[in-house]
């Protein structure tokens, strides 16, 4: 499977829960259905909560990749409204 074309990048490494999900949700709402958001986040609560929360909102987690330094890259395809 080829890498999805990323429309926007959001870095939430400096934020804590629940702000991490709030910022992710707001950014996803700015995209069109089917567009891809790349989120850079830290391990721990954000890594557990953000992917689970976006799935429950109807979005698709395409990829979760460890970048090192305790950071991760999460690719999310926005679901339909």
PDB file of N, CA and C in Angstrom:
ATOM      1  N   UNK A   1       0.850  -1.188   0.000  1.00  0.00           N
ATOM      2  CA  UNK A   1       0.000   0.000   0.000  1.00  0.00           C
ATOM      3  C   UNK A   1       0.882   1.232   0.000  1.00  0.00           C
ATOM      4  N   UNK A   2       0.623   2.194  -0.869  1.00  0.00           N
ATOM      5  CA  UNK A   2       1.438   3.398  -0.940  1.00  0.00           C
ATOM      6  C   UNK A   2       1.082   4.344   0.193  1.00  0.00           C
ATOM      7  N   UNK A   3       2.035   5.194   0.504  1.00  0.00           N
ATOM      8  CA  UNK A   3       1.853   6.189   1.565  1.00  0.00           C
ATOM      9  C   UNK A   3       0.732   7.142   1.158  1.00  0.00           C
ATOM     10  N   UNK A   4      -0.191   7.406   2.071  1.00  0.00           N
ATOM     11  CA  UNK A   4      -1.284   8.324   1.800  1.00  0.00           C
ATOM     12  C   UNK A   4      -0.739   9.746   1.665  1.00  0.00           C
ATOM     13  N   UNK A   5      -1.379  10.553   0.839  1.00  0.00           N
ATOM     14  CA  UNK A   5      -0.977  11.944   0.680  1.00  0.00           C
ATOM     15  C   UNK A   5      -1.481  12.744   1.871  1.00  0.00           C
ATOM     16  N   UNK A   6      -0.560  13.320   2.598  1.00  0.00           N
ATOM     17  CA  UNK A   6      -0.900  14.071   3.811  1.00  0.00           C
ATOM     18  C   UNK A   6      -1.315  15.486   3.421  1.00  0.00           C
ATOM     19  N   UNK A   7      -2.480  15.906   3.898  1.00  0.00           N
ATOM     20  CA  UNK A   7      -3.013  17.238   3.613  1.00  0.00           C
ATOM     21  C   UNK A   7      -2.517  18.253   4.643  1.00  0.00           C
ATOM     22  N   UNK A   8      -2.472  17.871   5.914  1.00  0.00           N
ATOM     23  CA  UNK A   8      -2.072  18.760   7.007  1.00  0.00           C
ATOM     24  C   UNK A   8      -1.219  17.985   7.996  1.00  0.00           C
ATOM     25  N   UNK A   9      -0.370  18.710   8.734  1.00  0.00           N
ATOM     26  CA  UNK A   9       0.443  18.122   9.797  1.00  0.00           C
ATOM     27  C   UNK A   9       0.143  18.877  11.085  1.00  0.00           C
ATOM     28  N   UNK A  10      -0.065  18.119  12.163  1.00  0.00           N
ATOM     29  CA  UNK A  10      -0.355  18.695  13.473  1.00  0.00           C
ATOM     30  C   UNK A  10       0.622  18.119  14.484  1.00  0.00           C
ATOM     31  N   UNK A  11       1.350  18.990  15.165  1.00  0.00           N
ATOM     32  CA  UNK A  11       2.301  18.567  16.198  1.00  0.00           C
ATOM     33  C   UNK A  11       1.687  18.860  17.564  1.00  0.00           C
ATOM     34  N   UNK A  12       1.351  17.781  18.290  1.00  0.00           N
ATOM     35  CA  UNK A  12       0.758  17.946  19.624  1.00  0.00           C
ATOM     36  C   UNK A  12       1.686  17.405  20.707  1.00  0.00           C
ATOM     37  N   UNK A  13       2.991  17.373  20.401  1.00  0.00           N
ATOM     38  CA  UNK A  13       3.944  16.810  21.363  1.00  0.00           C
ATOM     39  C   UNK A  13       4.061  17.658  22.625  1.00  0.00           C
ATOM     40  N   UNK A  14       3.718  18.929  22.553  1.00  0.00           N
ATOM     41  CA  UNK A  14       3.806  19.790  23.727  1.00  0.00           C
ATOM     42  C   UNK A  14       2.528  19.862  24.532  1.00  0.00           C
ATOM     43  N   UNK A  15       1.509  19.124  24.119  1.00  0.00           N
ATOM     44  CA  UNK A  15       0.195  19.182  24.769  1.00  0.00           C
ATOM     45  C   UNK A  15      -0.060  17.932  25.610  1.00  0.00           C
ATOM     46  N   UNK A  16      -1.015  18.057  26.535  1.00  0.00           N
ATOM     47  CA  UNK A  16      -1.421  16.934  27.377  1.00  0.00           C
ATOM     48  C   UNK A  16      -2.891  16.612  27.112  1.00  0.00           C
ATOM     49  N   UNK A  17      -3.308  15.413  27.505  1.00  0.00           N
ATOM     50  CA  UNK A  17      -4.708  15.013  27.374  1.00  0.00           C
ATOM     51  C   UNK A  17      -5.548  15.861  28.318  1.00  0.00           C
ATOM     52  N   UNK A  18      -6.750  16.250  27.946  1.00  0.00           N
ATOM     53  CA  UNK A  18      -7.472  15.916  26.715  1.00  0.00           C
ATOM     54  C   UNK A  18      -7.226  16.884  25.556  1.00  0.00           C
ATOM     55  N   UNK A  19      -6.352  17.877  25.753  1.00  0.00           N
ATOM     56  CA  UNK A  19      -6.104  18.865  24.692  1.00  0.00           C
ATOM     57  C   UNK A  19      -5.583  18.198  23.420  1.00  0.00           C
ATOM     58  N   UNK A  20      -4.813  17.102  23.567  1.00  0.00           N
ATOM     59  CA  UNK A  20      -4.283  16.413  22.384  1.00  0.00           C
ATOM     60  C   UNK A  20      -5.408  15.978  21.452  1.00  0.00           C
ATOM     61  N   UNK A  21      -6.462  15.394  22.003  1.00  0.00           N
ATOM     62  CA  UNK A  21      -7.578  14.952  21.166  1.00  0.00           C
ATOM     63  C   UNK A  21      -8.389  16.140  20.662  1.00  0.00           C
ATOM     64  N   UNK A  22      -8.585  17.157  21.507  1.00  0.00           N
ATOM     65  CA  UNK A  22      -9.365  18.333  21.099  1.00  0.00           C
ATOM     66  C   UNK A  22      -8.721  18.987  19.879  1.00  0.00           C
ATOM     67  N   UNK A  23      -7.407  19.196  19.920  1.00  0.00           N
ATOM     68  CA  UNK A  23      -6.714  19.809  18.780  1.00  0.00           C
ATOM     69  C   UNK A  23      -6.786  18.919  17.540  1.00  0.00           C
ATOM     70  N   UNK A  24      -6.661  17.602  17.739  1.00  0.00           N
ATOM     71  CA  UNK A  24      -6.750  16.671  16.613  1.00  0.00           C
ATOM     72  C   UNK A  24      -8.138  16.720  15.993  1.00  0.00           C
ATOM     73  N   UNK A  25      -9.163  16.721  16.823  1.00  0.00           N
ATOM     74  CA  UNK A  25     -10.545  16.756  16.338  1.00  0.00           C
ATOM     75  C   UNK A  25     -10.825  18.039  15.556  1.00  0.00           C
ATOM     76  N   UNK A  26     -10.370  19.168  16.078  1.00  0.00           N
ATOM     77  CA  UNK A  26     -10.586  20.446  15.393  1.00  0.00           C
ATOM     78  C   UNK A  26      -9.897  20.450  14.029  1.00  0.00           C
ATOM     79  N   UNK A  27      -8.660  19.955  13.975  1.00  0.00           N
ATOM     80  CA  UNK A  27      -7.921  19.931  12.709  1.00  0.00           C
ATOM     81  C   UNK A  27      -8.609  18.997  11.712  1.00  0.00           C
ATOM     82  N   UNK A  28      -9.088  17.844  12.175  1.00  0.00           N
ATOM     83  CA  UNK A  28      -9.809  16.917  11.287  1.00  0.00           C
ATOM     84  C   UNK A  28     -11.073  17.566  10.726  1.00  0.00           C
ATOM     85  N   UNK A  29     -11.765  18.361  11.530  1.00  0.00           N
ATOM     86  CA  UNK A  29     -12.992  19.025  11.079  1.00  0.00           C
ATOM     87  C   UNK A  29     -12.706  20.038   9.976  1.00  0.00           C
ATOM     88  N   UNK A  30     -11.463  20.513   9.887  1.00  0.00           N
ATOM     89  CA  UNK A  30     -11.086  21.481   8.852  1.00  0.00           C
ATOM     90  C   UNK A  30     -10.768  20.801   7.520  1.00  0.00           C
ATOM     91  N   UNK A  31     -10.627  19.477   7.534  1.00  0.00           N
ATOM     92  CA  UNK A  31     -10.321  18.727   6.323  1.00  0.00           C
ATOM     93  C   UNK A  31     -11.606  18.232   5.663  1.00  0.00           C
ATOM     94  N   UNK A  32     -11.477  17.882   4.392  1.00  0.00           N
ATOM     95  CA  UNK A  32     -12.588  17.276   3.665  1.00  0.00           C
ATOM     96  C   UNK A  32     -12.579  15.768   3.934  1.00  0.00           C
ATOM     97  N   UNK A  33     -13.745  15.102   3.868  1.00  0.00           N
ATOM     98  CA  UNK A  33     -13.762  13.649   4.030  1.00  0.00           C
ATOM     99  C   UNK A  33     -12.793  12.986   3.056  1.00  0.00           C
ATOM    100  N   UNK A  34     -12.013  12.036   3.571  1.00  0.00           N
ATOM    101  CA  UNK A  34     -11.040  11.318   2.756  1.00  0.00           C
ATOM    102  C   UNK A  34      -9.635  11.899   2.818  1.00  0.00           C
ATOM    103  N   UNK A  35      -9.495  13.150   3.259  1.00  0.00           N
ATOM    104  CA  UNK A  35      -8.171  13.748   3.367  1.00  0.00           C
ATOM    105  C   UNK A  35      -7.442  13.190   4.587  1.00  0.00           C
ATOM    106  N   UNK A  36      -6.110  13.283   4.555  1.00  0.00           N
ATOM    107  CA  UNK A  36      -5.278  12.650   5.584  1.00  0.00           C
ATOM    108  C   UNK A  36      -4.570  13.697   6.432  1.00  0.00           C
ATOM    109  N   UNK A  37      -4.635  13.491   7.735  1.00  0.00           N
ATOM    110  CA  UNK A  37      -3.960  14.329   8.719  1.00  0.00           C
ATOM    111  C   UNK A  37      -2.821  13.534   9.333  1.00  0.00           C
ATOM    112  N   UNK A  38      -1.642  14.140   9.386  1.00  0.00           N
ATOM    113  CA  UNK A  38      -0.500  13.547  10.077  1.00  0.00           C
ATOM    114  C   UNK A  38      -0.390  14.221  11.436  1.00  0.00           C
ATOM    115  N   UNK A  39      -0.402  13.421  12.497  1.00  0.00           N
ATOM    116  CA  UNK A  39      -0.306  13.944  13.858  1.00  0.00           C
ATOM    117  C   UNK A  39       0.990  13.429  14.474  1.00  0.00           C
ATOM    118  N   UNK A  40       1.784  14.344  15.013  1.00  0.00           N
ATOM    119  CA  UNK A  40       2.992  13.979  15.745  1.00  0.00           C
ATOM    120  C   UNK A  40       2.638  14.086  17.228  1.00  0.00           C
ATOM    121  N   UNK A  41       2.809  12.983  17.951  1.00  0.00           N
ATOM    122  CA  UNK A  41       2.416  12.947  19.349  1.00  0.00           C
ATOM    123  C   UNK A  41       3.417  12.161  20.178  1.00  0.00           C
ATOM    124  N   UNK A  42       3.298  12.300  21.470  1.00  0.00           N
ATOM    125  CA  UNK A  42       4.165  11.590  22.410  1.00  0.00           C
ATOM    126  C   UNK A  42       3.493  10.294  22.856  1.00  0.00           C
ATOM    127  N   UNK A  43       4.305   9.415  23.458  1.00  0.00           N
ATOM    128  CA  UNK A  43       3.773   8.173  24.004  1.00  0.00           C
ATOM    129  C   UNK A  43       2.953   8.446  25.258  1.00  0.00           C
ATOM    130  N   UNK A  44       2.513   7.384  25.898  1.00  0.00           N
ATOM    131  CA  UNK A  44       1.699   7.521  27.108  1.00  0.00           C
ATOM    132  C   UNK A  44       0.246   7.781  26.767  1.00  0.00           C
ATOM    133  N   UNK A  45      -0.382   8.677  27.527  1.00  0.00           N
ATOM    134  CA  UNK A  45      -1.809   8.950  27.344  1.00  0.00           C
ATOM    135  C   UNK A  45      -2.181   9.395  25.929  1.00  0.00           C
ATOM    136  N   UNK A  46      -1.457  10.336  25.318  1.00  0.00           N
ATOM    137  CA  UNK A  46      -1.834  10.727  23.959  1.00  0.00           C
ATOM    138  C   UNK A  46      -1.804   9.549  22.986  1.00  0.00           C
ATOM    139  N   UNK A  47      -0.812   8.694  23.100  1.00  0.00           N
ATOM    140  CA  UNK A  47      -0.689   7.548  22.205  1.00  0.00           C
ATOM    141  C   UNK A  47      -1.829   6.556  22.414  1.00  0.00           C
ATOM    142  N   UNK A  48      -2.295   6.438  23.637  1.00  0.00           N
ATOM    143  CA  UNK A  48      -3.417   5.538  23.929  1.00  0.00           C
ATOM    144  C   UNK A  48      -4.747   6.161  23.522  1.00  0.00           C
ATOM    145  N   UNK A  49      -4.920   7.443  23.822  1.00  0.00           N
ATOM    146  CA  UNK A  49      -6.235   8.071  23.688  1.00  0.00           C
ATOM    147  C   UNK A  49      -6.562   8.613  22.299  1.00  0.00           C
ATOM    148  N   UNK A  50      -5.601   9.248  21.631  1.00  0.00           N
ATOM    149  CA  UNK A  50      -5.919   9.892  20.358  1.00  0.00           C
ATOM    150  C   UNK A  50      -6.354   8.875  19.299  1.00  0.00           C
ATOM    151  N   UNK A  51      -5.592   7.794  19.040  1.00  0.00           N
ATOM    152  CA  UNK A  51      -6.070   6.839  18.024  1.00  0.00           C
ATOM    153  C   UNK A  51      -7.442   6.242  18.350  1.00  0.00           C
ATOM    154  N   UNK A  52      -7.656   5.887  19.601  1.00  0.00           N
ATOM    155  CA  UNK A  52      -8.943   5.306  20.007  1.00  0.00           C
ATOM    156  C   UNK A  52     -10.074   6.313  19.814  1.00  0.00           C
ATOM    157  N   UNK A  53      -9.832   7.557  20.190  1.00  0.00           N
ATOM    158  CA  UNK A  53     -10.872   8.584  20.093  1.00  0.00           C
ATOM    159  C   UNK A  53     -11.222   8.922  18.652  1.00  0.00           C
ATOM    160  N   UNK A  54     -10.214   9.014  17.776  1.00  0.00           N
ATOM    161  CA  UNK A  54     -10.535   9.340  16.384  1.00  0.00           C
ATOM    162  C   UNK A  54     -11.292   8.196  15.713  1.00  0.00           C
ATOM    163  N   UNK A  55     -10.959   6.954  16.063  1.00  0.00           N
ATOM    164  CA  UNK A  55     -11.724   5.812  15.530  1.00  0.00           C
ATOM    165  C   UNK A  55     -13.179   5.891  15.966  1.00  0.00           C
ATOM    166  N   UNK A  56     -13.406   6.235  17.249  1.00  0.00           N
ATOM    167  CA  UNK A  56     -14.781   6.314  17.758  1.00  0.00           C
ATOM    168  C   UNK A  56     -15.555   7.457  17.106  1.00  0.00           C
ATOM    169  N   UNK A  57     -14.836   8.434  16.554  1.00  0.00           N
ATOM    170  CA  UNK A  57     -15.474   9.555  15.841  1.00  0.00           C
ATOM    171  C   UNK A  57     -15.750   9.214  14.377  1.00  0.00           C
ATOM    172  N   UNK A  58     -15.341   8.016  13.932  1.00  0.00           N
ATOM    173  CA  UNK A  58     -15.623   7.584  12.569  1.00  0.00           C
ATOM    174  C   UNK A  58     -14.493   7.808  11.583  1.00  0.00           C
ATOM    175  N   UNK A  59     -13.296   8.118  12.090  1.00  0.00           N
ATOM    176  CA  UNK A  59     -12.142   8.319  11.220  1.00  0.00           C
ATOM    177  C   UNK A  59     -11.320   7.027  11.164  1.00  0.00           C
ATOM    178  N   UNK A  60     -10.406   6.943  10.194  1.00  0.00           N
ATOM    179  CA  UNK A  60      -9.618   5.728   9.999  1.00  0.00           C
ATOM    180  C   UNK A  60      -8.152   5.996  10.320  1.00  0.00           C
ATOM    181  N   UNK A  61      -7.591   5.185  11.224  1.00  0.00           N
ATOM    182  CA  UNK A  61      -6.164   5.256  11.503  1.00  0.00           C
ATOM    183  C   UNK A  61      -5.454   4.450  10.420  1.00  0.00           C
ATOM    184  N   UNK A  62      -4.643   5.127   9.619  1.00  0.00           N
ATOM    185  CA  UNK A  62      -3.949   4.478   8.508  1.00  0.00           C
ATOM    186  C   UNK A  62      -2.611   3.889   8.936  1.00  0.00           C
ATOM    187  N   UNK A  63      -1.930   4.595   9.837  1.00  0.00           N
ATOM    188  CA  UNK A  63      -0.580   4.176  10.199  1.00  0.00           C
ATOM    189  C   UNK A  63      -0.185   4.802  11.523  1.00  0.00           C
ATOM    190  N   UNK A  64       0.554   4.031  12.311  1.00  0.00           N
ATOM    191  CA  UNK A  64       1.141   4.534  13.552  1.00  0.00           C
ATOM    192  C   UNK A  64       2.601   4.101  13.527  1.00  0.00           C
ATOM    193  N   UNK A  65       3.494   5.069  13.555  1.00  0.00           N
ATOM    194  CA  UNK A  65       4.923   4.790  13.392  1.00  0.00           C
ATOM    195  C   UNK A  65       5.723   5.477  14.487  1.00  0.00           C
ATOM    196  N   UNK A  66       6.616   4.744  15.112  1.00  0.00           N
ATOM    197  CA  UNK A  66       7.487   5.318  16.131  1.00  0.00           C
ATOM    198  C   UNK A  66       8.605   6.089  15.441  1.00  0.00           C
ATOM    199  N   UNK A  67       8.821   7.335  15.877  1.00  0.00           N
ATOM    200  CA  UNK A  67       9.847   8.180  15.283  1.00  0.00           C
ATOM    201  C   UNK A  67      11.129   8.195  16.111  1.00  0.00           C
ATOM    202  N   UNK A  68      11.052   7.763  17.352  1.00  0.00           N
ATOM    203  CA  UNK A  68      12.184   7.884  18.266  1.00  0.00           C
ATOM    204  C   UNK A  68      11.958   9.080  19.161  1.00  0.00           C
ATOM    205  N   UNK A  69      12.803   9.229  20.176  1.00  0.00           N
ATOM    206  CA  UNK A  69      12.660  10.369  21.089  1.00  0.00           C
ATOM    207  C   UNK A  69      11.325  10.377  21.818  1.00  0.00           C
ATOM    208  N   UNK A  70      10.642   9.229  21.863  1.00  0.00           N
ATOM    209  CA  UNK A  70       9.329   9.176  22.512  1.00  0.00           C
ATOM    210  C   UNK A  70       8.213   9.754  21.674  1.00  0.00           C
ATOM    211  N   UNK A  71       8.488  10.045  20.393  1.00  0.00           N
ATOM    212  CA  UNK A  71       7.478  10.616  19.508  1.00  0.00           C
ATOM    213  C   UNK A  71       6.970   9.574  18.516  1.00  0.00           C
ATOM    214  N   UNK A  72       5.736   9.781  18.080  1.00  0.00           N
ATOM    215  CA  UNK A  72       5.079   8.889  17.125  1.00  0.00           C
ATOM    216  C   UNK A  72       4.415   9.721  16.034  1.00  0.00           C
ATOM    217  N   UNK A  73       4.288   9.103  14.839  1.00  0.00           N
ATOM    218  CA  UNK A  73       3.557   9.712  13.733  1.00  0.00           C
ATOM    219  C   UNK A  73       2.297   8.889  13.512  1.00  0.00           C
ATOM    220  N   UNK A  74       1.173   9.560  13.535  1.00  0.00           N
ATOM    221  CA  UNK A  74      -0.132   8.932  13.361  1.00  0.00           C
ATOM    222  C   UNK A  74      -0.768   9.523  12.103  1.00  0.00           C
ATOM    223  N   UNK A  75      -1.153   8.660  11.150  1.00  0.00           N
ATOM    224  CA  UNK A  75      -1.850   9.112   9.952  1.00  0.00           C
ATOM    225  C   UNK A  75      -3.328   8.757  10.081  1.00  0.00           C
ATOM    226  N   UNK A  76      -4.170   9.766   9.914  1.00  0.00           N
ATOM    227  CA  UNK A  76      -5.620   9.598  10.090  1.00  0.00           C
ATOM    228  C   UNK A  76      -6.322  10.064   8.830  1.00  0.00           C
ATOM    229  N   UNK A  77      -7.196   9.209   8.276  1.00  0.00           N
ATOM    230  CA  UNK A  77      -8.034   9.614   7.143  1.00  0.00           C
ATOM    231  C   UNK A  77      -9.380  10.071   7.704  1.00  0.00           C
ATOM    232  N   UNK A  78      -9.754  11.272   7.344  1.00  0.00           N
ATOM    233  CA  UNK A  78     -11.020  11.797   7.837  1.00  0.00           C
ATOM    234  C   UNK A  78     -12.191  11.004   7.273  1.00  0.00           C
ATOM    235  N   UNK A  79     -13.098  10.653   8.159  1.00  0.00           N
ATOM    236  CA  UNK A  79     -14.302   9.932   7.755  1.00  0.00           C
ATOM    237  C   UNK A  79     -15.333  10.854   7.157  1.00  0.00           C
ATOM    238  N   UNK A  80     -16.400  10.256   6.648  1.00  0.00           N
ATOM    239  CA  UNK A  80     -17.503  11.044   6.084  1.00  0.00           C
ATOM    240  C   UNK A  80     -18.288  11.698   7.203  1.00  0.00           C
ATOM    241  N   UNK A  81     -18.935  12.800   6.864  1.00  0.00           N
ATOM    242  CA  UNK A  81     -19.765  13.504   7.859  1.00  0.00           C
ATOM    243  C   UNK A  81     -21.041  12.743   8.148  1.00  0.00           C
TER     244      UNK A  81
END
